[in-house]
């Protein structure tokens, strides 16, 4: 079971909560575990409305929770770089909403830190050409099975219907992934 936490309690966070509920309903091993906001009352209202077990009034408090496996960052873009580093420093796998950082320097720091700490780092984004150039494998989550291909084209030759199932491109053997 993967305990998922969300940083932020806005509209994007609500969309992710809906996605997590759908994943859980179809049998995926995810738990709507915790939400963190700068406002405890807002976090509590979100947790109650969206079905999360815990609510925190600070991001730091959420990150100190040993039960958190994966953090989805759903805050304004201007905060992503710092929050990614905080999550990785606490050893939490990260799924960050795009744009994942405000500058290239922040992106480089985040990727380097994730690699150094051996923490999985994912970016929720469409497969833009410049991101694809950074990666060397395509991962597809298809009917509950993870498939790996050298290129998107190779996957589509084997099964054209996979277009709708593209999940990620793997950056390196440490597990840094771009969605």
Foldseek 3Di string as FASTA:
>chain_A
DAEEEEEDQDDVVLVVLVVQVVCVVVPHPYALEEYEYCQQVSRVVSCVVSVYDYYYNHPLVVLQPPRHAEYEYDDDQACQLVSLLSNVVSVHAYEYEPPNHDDPVSVVVSVVSCLVSLHEYEYPDDPDPVNVVQFQWWWFCDPNDIDIDRDPVVVCVVPVVSVVGGDWGARDPSHHTYD
